[in-house]
C-alpha atoms as a PDB file:
ATOM      1  CA  MET A   1      50.070 111.399 144.878  1.00  0.00           C
ATOM      2  CA  ASN A   2      48.975 110.689 141.411  1.00  0.00           C
ATOM      3  CA  GLY A   3      52.472 110.099 140.042  1.00  0.00           C
ATOM      4  CA  ALA A   4      52.840 107.340 142.783  1.00  0.00           C
ATOM      5  CA  ARG A   5      49.624 105.584 141.591  1.00  0.00           C
ATOM      6  CA  ALA A   6      50.815 105.989 137.828  1.00  0.00           C
ATOM      7  CA  THR A   7      53.895 104.237 138.413  1.00  0.00           C
ATOM      8  CA  GLY A   8      53.076 101.941 141.170  1.00  0.00           C
ATOM      9  CA  ARG A   9      51.009  98.528 141.233  1.00  0.00           C
ATOM     10  CA  PRO A  10      47.334  98.567 140.331  1.00  0.00           C
ATOM     11  CA  ARG A  11      45.422  98.384 143.472  1.00  0.00           C
ATOM     12  CA  GLY A  12      42.080  96.971 142.526  1.00  0.00           C
ATOM     13  CA  ALA A  13      41.768  95.172 139.189  1.00  0.00           C
ATOM     14  CA  GLY A  14      45.564  94.630 138.969  1.00  0.00           C
ATOM     15  CA  ALA A  15      44.856  92.179 142.255  1.00  0.00           C
ATOM     16  CA  ARG A  16      42.561  89.883 140.208  1.00  0.00           C
ATOM     17  CA  PRO A  17      44.931  88.461 137.747  1.00  0.00           C
ATOM     18  CA  TRP A  18      47.370  87.484 140.678  1.00  0.00           C
ATOM     19  CA  LEU A  19      44.367  85.907 142.579  1.00  0.00           C
ATOM     20  CA  ILE A  20      43.497  83.842 139.189  1.00  0.00           C
ATOM     21  CA  GLY A  21      47.093  82.795 138.739  1.00  0.00           C
ATOM     22  CA  GLY A  22      47.470  81.566 142.290  1.00  0.00           C
ATOM     23  CA  GLY A  23      44.087  79.593 141.970  1.00  0.00           C
ATOM     24  CA  ALA A  24      45.647  77.897 138.938  1.00  0.00           C
ATOM     25  CA  LEU A  25      48.670  77.062 140.754  1.00  0.00           C
ATOM     26  CA  LEU A  26      46.568  75.634 143.590  1.00  0.00           C
ATOM     27  CA  ALA A  27      44.581  73.341 140.925  1.00  0.00           C
ATOM     28  CA  VAL A  28      47.545  72.178 139.454  1.00  0.00           C
ATOM     29  CA  GLY A  29      49.035  71.254 143.208  1.00  0.00           C
ATOM     30  CA  ALA A  30      45.831  69.289 143.810  1.00  0.00           C
ATOM     31  CA  ILE A  31      46.317  67.332 140.449  1.00  0.00           C
ATOM     32  CA  VAL A  32      49.826  66.595 141.124  1.00  0.00           C
ATOM     33  CA  GLY A  33      48.921  65.438 144.941  1.00  0.00           C
ATOM     34  CA  VAL A  34      46.254  62.999 143.617  1.00  0.00           C
ATOM     35  CA  VAL A  35      48.618  61.681 141.129  1.00  0.00           C
ATOM     36  CA  VAL A  36      51.187  61.085 143.902  1.00  0.00           C
ATOM     37  CA  ALA A  37      48.573  59.475 146.111  1.00  0.00           C
ATOM     38  CA  VAL A  38      47.282  57.027 143.704  1.00  0.00           C
ATOM     39  CA  SER A  39      50.611  56.022 142.294  1.00  0.00           C
ATOM     40  CA  GLY A  40      52.413  55.611 145.603  1.00  0.00           C
ATOM     41  CA  GLY A  41      56.239  55.632 146.113  1.00  0.00           C
ATOM     42  CA  ASP A  42      58.031  53.249 143.676  1.00  0.00           C
ATOM     43  CA  GLY A  43      54.867  51.121 143.234  1.00  0.00           C
ATOM     44  CA  GLU A  44      55.021  50.034 146.962  1.00  0.00           C
ATOM     45  CA  SER A  45      51.917  50.732 149.580  1.00  0.00           C
ATOM     46  CA  ALA A  46      52.854  52.787 152.693  1.00  0.00           C
ATOM     47  CA  ALA A  47      51.400  49.950 154.445  1.00  0.00           C
ATOM     48  CA  SER A  48      53.682  47.520 152.933  1.00  0.00           C
ATOM     49  CA  GLY A  49      55.590  46.886 156.117  1.00  0.00           C
ATOM     50  CA  LYS A  50      59.033  47.961 154.619  1.00  0.00           C
ATOM     51  CA  PRO A  51      61.119  50.086 156.977  1.00  0.00           C
ATOM     52  CA  SER A  52      61.686  53.645 156.067  1.00  0.00           C
ATOM     53  CA  GLY A  53      64.772  53.906 153.738  1.00  0.00           C
ATOM     54  CA  ALA A  54      64.715  50.401 152.558  1.00  0.00           C
ATOM     55  CA  PRO A  55      64.639  49.654 148.970  1.00  0.00           C
ATOM     56  CA  GLY A  56      61.059  50.279 147.565  1.00  0.00           C
ATOM     57  CA  ALA A  57      59.796  51.771 150.700  1.00  0.00           C
ATOM     58  CA  ALA A  58      57.617  54.919 150.587  1.00  0.00           C
ATOM     59  CA  ALA A  59      59.924  58.227 151.231  1.00  0.00           C
ATOM     60  CA  PRO A  60      59.382  59.846 154.567  1.00  0.00           C
ATOM     61  CA  PRO A  61      57.074  62.679 154.689  1.00  0.00           C
ATOM     62  CA  ALA A  62      58.562  66.111 154.212  1.00  0.00           C
ATOM     63  CA  PRO A  63      58.833  68.398 157.392  1.00  0.00           C
ATOM     64  CA  ALA A  64      55.682  70.380 157.805  1.00  0.00           C
ATOM     65  CA  LYS A  65      55.923  74.111 156.838  1.00  0.00           C
ATOM     66  CA  LYS A  66      54.353  77.042 158.848  1.00  0.00           C
ATOM     67  CA  SER A  67      50.774  77.368 158.320  1.00  0.00           C
ATOM     68  CA  PHE A  68      49.460  80.614 159.480  1.00  0.00           C
ATOM     69  CA  THR A  69      45.677  80.946 160.319  1.00  0.00           C
ATOM     70  CA  LYS A  70      45.553  84.407 162.030  1.00  0.00           C
ATOM     71  CA  VAL A  71      46.253  87.759 160.270  1.00  0.00           C
ATOM     72  CA  PRO A  72      45.705  91.167 162.083  1.00  0.00           C
ATOM     73  CA  GLU A  73      43.720  94.126 160.504  1.00  0.00           C
ATOM     74  CA  GLY A  74      45.541  95.695 157.653  1.00  0.00           C
ATOM     75  CA  CYS A  75      46.681  98.775 159.643  1.00  0.00           C
ATOM     76  CA  GLU A  76      48.213  96.686 162.472  1.00  0.00           C
ATOM     77  CA  LEU A  77      50.384  94.779 160.276  1.00  0.00           C
ATOM     78  CA  ILE A  78      53.289  97.363 161.052  1.00  0.00           C
ATOM     79  CA  LYS A  79      54.141  98.596 164.407  1.00  0.00           C
ATOM     80  CA  PRO A  80      53.647 102.397 165.208  1.00  0.00           C
ATOM     81  CA  SER A  81      57.095 102.668 166.360  1.00  0.00           C
ATOM     82  CA  THR A  82      58.303 101.364 162.909  1.00  0.00           C
ATOM     83  CA  LEU A  83      55.979 103.672 161.093  1.00  0.00           C
ATOM     84  CA  ALA A  84      57.340 106.694 163.015  1.00  0.00           C
ATOM     85  CA  ARG A  85      60.757 105.906 161.820  1.00  0.00           C
ATOM     86  CA  ILE A  86      60.396 104.722 158.325  1.00  0.00           C
ATOM     87  CA  ALA A  87      57.221 106.582 157.226  1.00  0.00           C
ATOM     88  CA  PRO A  88      56.470 109.773 159.474  1.00  0.00           C
ATOM     89  CA  GLY A  89      53.581 111.700 158.880  1.00  0.00           C
ATOM     90  CA  THR A  90      51.671 109.043 156.959  1.00  0.00           C
ATOM     91  CA  GLU A  91      48.281 107.697 157.632  1.00  0.00           C
ATOM     92  CA  CYS A  92      47.082 104.235 157.134  1.00  0.00           C
ATOM     93  CA  LYS A  93      44.265 103.589 154.431  1.00  0.00           C
ATOM     94  CA  PRO A  94      42.615 100.139 154.774  1.00  0.00           C
ATOM     95  CA  SER A  95      41.961  98.472 151.405  1.00  0.00           C
ATOM     96  CA  GLN A  96      38.567  96.963 150.240  1.00  0.00           C
ATOM     97  CA  PHE A  97      40.648  93.518 150.257  1.00  0.00           C
ATOM     98  CA  ASP A  98      41.454  93.820 153.864  1.00  0.00           C
ATOM     99  CA  HIS A  99      38.365  91.960 154.851  1.00  0.00           C
ATOM    100  CA  ALA A 100      38.423  89.438 152.152  1.00  0.00           C
ATOM    101  CA  THR A 101      38.873  86.396 154.382  1.00  0.00           C
ATOM    102  CA  MET A 102      37.858  83.097 152.604  1.00  0.00           C
ATOM    103  CA  ALA A 103      38.136  79.328 153.355  1.00  0.00           C
ATOM    104  CA  ALA A 104      41.370  78.906 151.861  1.00  0.00           C
ATOM    105  CA  MET A 105      42.569  82.570 151.596  1.00  0.00           C
ATOM    106  CA  ILE A 106      43.193  85.899 153.552  1.00  0.00           C
ATOM    107  CA  THR A 107      44.333  89.023 152.213  1.00  0.00           C
ATOM    108  CA  ARG A 108      45.387  92.488 153.476  1.00  0.00           C
ATOM    109  CA  MET A 109      46.316  95.385 151.231  1.00  0.00           C
ATOM    110  CA  PRO A 110      46.834  98.515 153.312  1.00  0.00           C
ATOM    111  CA  SER A 111      48.827 101.510 152.532  1.00  0.00           C
ATOM    112  CA  TRP A 112      50.246 104.458 154.526  1.00  0.00           C
ATOM    113  CA  GLU A 113      50.427 107.749 152.638  1.00  0.00           C
ATOM    114  CA  THR A 114      51.210 111.346 153.365  1.00  0.00           C
ATOM    115  CA  PRO A 115      48.112 113.267 153.536  1.00  0.00           C
ATOM    116  CA  PHE A 116      47.113 115.195 150.343  1.00  0.00           C
ATOM    117  CA  GLY A 117      48.463 118.821 150.592  1.00  0.00           C
ATOM    118  CA  ALA A 118      50.620 117.960 153.402  1.00  0.00           C
ATOM    119  CA  ALA A 119      53.976 119.945 153.505  1.00  0.00           C
ATOM    120  CA  GLY A 120      57.056 117.768 152.399  1.00  0.00           C
ATOM    121  CA  HIS A 121      57.627 115.170 149.578  1.00  0.00           C
ATOM    122  CA  MET A 122      55.315 112.320 148.758  1.00  0.00           C
ATOM    123  CA  LEU A 123      55.833 108.908 150.623  1.00  0.00           C
ATOM    124  CA  ASP A 124      53.708 105.842 149.984  1.00  0.00           C
ATOM    125  CA  LEU A 125      54.099 102.460 152.081  1.00  0.00           C
ATOM    126  CA  GLN A 126      51.853  99.631 150.661  1.00  0.00           C
ATOM    127  CA  VAL A 127      51.546  95.976 151.894  1.00  0.00           C
ATOM    128  CA  ASN A 128      50.102  93.169 149.766  1.00  0.00           C
ATOM    129  CA  LEU A 129      49.619  90.203 151.949  1.00  0.00           C
ATOM    130  CA  MET A 130      48.077  86.683 151.031  1.00  0.00           C
ATOM    131  CA  VAL A 131      47.784  83.635 153.285  1.00  0.00           C
ATOM    132  CA  SER A 132      46.953  80.752 150.986  1.00  0.00           C
ATOM    133  CA  PRO A 133      48.159  77.239 149.575  1.00  0.00           C
ATOM    134  CA  SER A 134      49.447  79.303 146.515  1.00  0.00           C
ATOM    135  CA  ALA A 135      51.897  81.219 148.386  1.00  0.00           C
ATOM    136  CA  SER A 136      55.161  79.788 146.641  1.00  0.00           C
ATOM    137  CA  GLY A 137      53.454  80.542 143.186  1.00  0.00           C
ATOM    138  CA  MET A 138      52.626  84.132 144.090  1.00  0.00           C
ATOM    139  CA  TYR A 139      56.041  84.732 145.622  1.00  0.00           C
ATOM    140  CA  ASP A 140      57.425  83.840 142.141  1.00  0.00           C
ATOM    141  CA  ILE A 141      54.707  86.065 140.234  1.00  0.00           C
ATOM    142  CA  HIS A 142      55.396  88.924 142.387  1.00  0.00           C
ATOM    143  CA  LYS A 143      59.212  88.596 142.078  1.00  0.00           C
ATOM    144  CA  LYS A 144      59.086  88.665 138.129  1.00  0.00           C
ATOM    145  CA  SER A 145      56.530  91.543 138.160  1.00  0.00           C
ATOM    146  CA  ALA A 146      58.894  93.616 140.505  1.00  0.00           C
ATOM    147  CA  LEU A 147      61.879  92.997 138.098  1.00  0.00           C
ATOM    148  CA  GLU A 148      59.908  93.296 134.654  1.00  0.00           C
ATOM    149  CA  ALA A 149      56.542  94.908 134.952  1.00  0.00           C
ATOM    150  CA  LEU A 150      57.778  98.465 134.859  1.00  0.00           C
ATOM    151  CA  LYS A 151      61.112  98.148 132.958  1.00  0.00           C
ATOM    152  CA  LYS A 152      60.075 100.413 130.211  1.00  0.00           C
ATOM    153  CA  VAL A 153      59.637 103.320 132.472  1.00  0.00           C
ATOM    154  CA  ARG A 154      61.838 102.329 135.546  1.00  0.00           C
ATOM    155  CA  THR A 155      65.666 101.573 135.781  1.00  0.00           C
ATOM    156  CA  ILE A 156      66.257  98.610 138.255  1.00  0.00           C
ATOM    157  CA  THR A 157      69.291  99.868 140.470  1.00  0.00           C
ATOM    158  CA  ASP A 158      69.416  96.869 142.955  1.00  0.00           C
ATOM    159  CA  SER A 159      67.934  93.180 142.952  1.00  0.00           C
ATOM    160  CA  ARG A 160      69.139  90.536 145.392  1.00  0.00           C
ATOM    161  CA  PRO A 161      67.976  87.761 147.657  1.00  0.00           C
ATOM    162  CA  LEU A 162      67.700  88.538 151.458  1.00  0.00           C
ATOM    163  CA  SER A 163      68.555  86.112 154.246  1.00  0.00           C
ATOM    164  CA  GLY A 164      67.078  85.786 157.671  1.00  0.00           C
ATOM    165  CA  LEU A 165      63.656  87.055 156.435  1.00  0.00           C
ATOM    166  CA  GLY A 166      61.124  84.108 156.066  1.00  0.00           C
ATOM    167  CA  GLU A 167      61.859  80.893 153.846  1.00  0.00           C
ATOM    168  CA  ASP A 168      62.404  83.179 150.743  1.00  0.00           C
ATOM    169  CA  ALA A 169      62.939  87.017 150.394  1.00  0.00           C
ATOM    170  CA  TYR A 170      64.130  89.172 147.619  1.00  0.00           C
ATOM    171  CA  VAL A 171      64.640  92.955 147.524  1.00  0.00           C
ATOM    172  CA  VAL A 172      64.113  95.166 144.186  1.00  0.00           C
ATOM    173  CA  HIS A 173      64.750  98.968 143.882  1.00  0.00           C
ATOM    174  CA  GLY A 174      63.940 100.923 140.890  1.00  0.00           C
ATOM    175  CA  VAL A 175      64.030 104.809 139.839  1.00  0.00           C
ATOM    176  CA  ASP A 176      61.565 106.044 137.544  1.00  0.00           C
ATOM    177  CA  LYS A 177      63.185 107.490 134.263  1.00  0.00           C
ATOM    178  CA  ASP A 178      62.787 111.093 133.327  1.00  0.00           C
ATOM    179  CA  PRO A 179      60.607 113.360 133.810  1.00  0.00           C
ATOM    180  CA  MET A 180      59.530 111.474 136.830  1.00  0.00           C
ATOM    181  CA  ASP A 181      61.078 111.857 140.381  1.00  0.00           C
ATOM    182  CA  LEU A 182      59.978 108.862 142.221  1.00  0.00           C
ATOM    183  CA  ALA A 183      61.872 105.495 143.204  1.00  0.00           C
ATOM    184  CA  GLU A 184      60.456 102.318 144.790  1.00  0.00           C
ATOM    185  CA  ALA A 185      62.032  99.796 147.156  1.00  0.00           C
ATOM    186  CA  GLN A 186      59.946  96.552 147.196  1.00  0.00           C
ATOM    187  CA  VAL A 187      60.565  93.375 149.348  1.00  0.00           C
ATOM    188  CA  ILE A 188      58.949  90.099 148.335  1.00  0.00           C
ATOM    189  CA  VAL A 189      58.660  87.600 151.364  1.00  0.00           C
ATOM    190  CA  ARG A 190      57.433  84.053 151.484  1.00  0.00           C
ATOM    191  CA  GLU A 191      56.981  82.115 154.871  1.00  0.00           C
ATOM    192  CA  GLY A 192      54.831  78.636 154.683  1.00  0.00           C
ATOM    193  CA  ASN A 193      51.594  79.648 153.392  1.00  0.00           C
ATOM    194  CA  ALA A 194      52.077  83.297 153.581  1.00  0.00           C
ATOM    195  CA  GLU A 195      53.366  85.423 150.927  1.00  0.00           C
ATOM    196  CA  PHE A 196      53.568  89.424 150.864  1.00  0.00           C
ATOM    197  CA  THR A 197      55.177  92.271 149.362  1.00  0.00           C
ATOM    198  CA  VAL A 198      56.179  95.625 150.912  1.00  0.00           C
ATOM    199  CA  SER A 199      56.519  98.693 148.614  1.00  0.00           C
ATOM    200  CA  LEU A 200      57.824 101.958 149.566  1.00  0.00           C
ATOM    201  CA  THR A 201      57.526 104.701 147.037  1.00  0.00           C
ATOM    202  CA  TYR A 202      59.361 107.901 147.701  1.00  0.00           C
ATOM    203  CA  ASP A 203      60.381 111.128 146.002  1.00  0.00           C
ATOM    204  CA  THR A 204      63.888 111.215 144.948  1.00  0.00           C
ATOM    205  CA  ARG A 205      64.148 114.896 145.683  1.00  0.00           C
ATOM    206  CA  ALA A 206      63.366 114.498 149.499  1.00  0.00           C
ATOM    207  CA  ALA A 207      66.375 114.969 151.746  1.00  0.00           C
ATOM    208  CA  GLY A 208      67.310 112.087 153.835  1.00  0.00           C
ATOM    209  CA  ARG A 209      65.835 109.501 151.746  1.00  0.00           C
ATOM    210  CA  ASN A 210      68.073 107.380 149.303  1.00  0.00           C
ATOM    211  CA  GLN A 211      68.232 103.742 147.918  1.00  0.00           C
ATOM    212  CA  ARG A 212      69.868 102.193 151.033  1.00  0.00           C
ATOM    213  CA  GLN A 213      67.443 103.820 153.480  1.00  0.00           C
ATOM    214  CA  ALA A 214      64.455 102.933 151.312  1.00  0.00           C
ATOM    215  CA  GLU A 215      65.609  99.364 151.273  1.00  0.00           C
ATOM    216  CA  ASP A 216      66.068  99.155 154.913  1.00  0.00           C
ATOM    217  CA  ALA A 217      62.789 100.798 155.801  1.00  0.00           C
ATOM    218  CA  ALA A 218      60.948  98.280 153.386  1.00  0.00           C
ATOM    219  CA  ILE A 219      62.696  95.564 155.059  1.00  0.00           C
ATOM    220  CA  ALA A 220      62.092  96.700 158.632  1.00  0.00           C
ATOM    221  CA  ALA A 221      58.367  96.839 157.641  1.00  0.00           C
ATOM    222  CA  ALA A 222      58.494  93.459 156.127  1.00  0.00           C
ATOM    223  CA  ARG A 223      59.777  91.925 159.442  1.00  0.00           C
ATOM    224  CA  ASP A 224      56.839  93.505 161.180  1.00  0.00           C
ATOM    225  CA  VAL A 225      54.350  91.971 158.787  1.00  0.00           C
ATOM    226  CA  LEU A 226      56.132  88.678 159.186  1.00  0.00           C
ATOM    227  CA  GLY A 227      56.153  88.829 162.986  1.00  0.00           C
ATOM    228  CA  SER A 228      52.470  89.884 163.309  1.00  0.00           C
ATOM    229  CA  LEU A 229      51.050  86.494 161.697  1.00  0.00           C
ATOM    230  CA  GLY A 230      49.960  83.697 163.935  1.00  0.00           C
END
């Protein structure tokens, strides 16, 4: 279990820079919004009476994106039937951030782990969910982190965009370099104001667990997480 934590994403302090970065992005977005509101479109007021599409008229508003306001408890993000299939024998451990609900942000960071001393090889499934106006910026941060943060100790064996899963989705698979025996499949998803990662860390010596199976498992869990939001 210690090996998984050594090569995985920091759970406590490591979350703070991401939250700070998200806040900075939100502040920049607010400034840009003020500038646009003050300047208007092409120097014309929206109340100018010009029809939409006419020269000098304000551009029509962009279609509204999904805005989630309800998030289940951390251990309820993934269906029991899915867990029985992709992570059998694991137990859910809520995070201290699972109840960090603020005016503009909701977070959930549960994990499902094989019990200490249990027979078989290590398996660790983690979800890092944020519902916030800064979701788009956090998606870029987490995608870059998955590709670059552990490149000195991990070899990336797959990285590609996914279709049919939120507005943006990306999968990354990496294998730890010798002498470690761990690998991780990570899926990063954004939909409206929600952004999350699903990470499955497993022992490469375990029978019946390979890259494709790990990626499929992480994708299945990500579908459950997205489907649980309201």
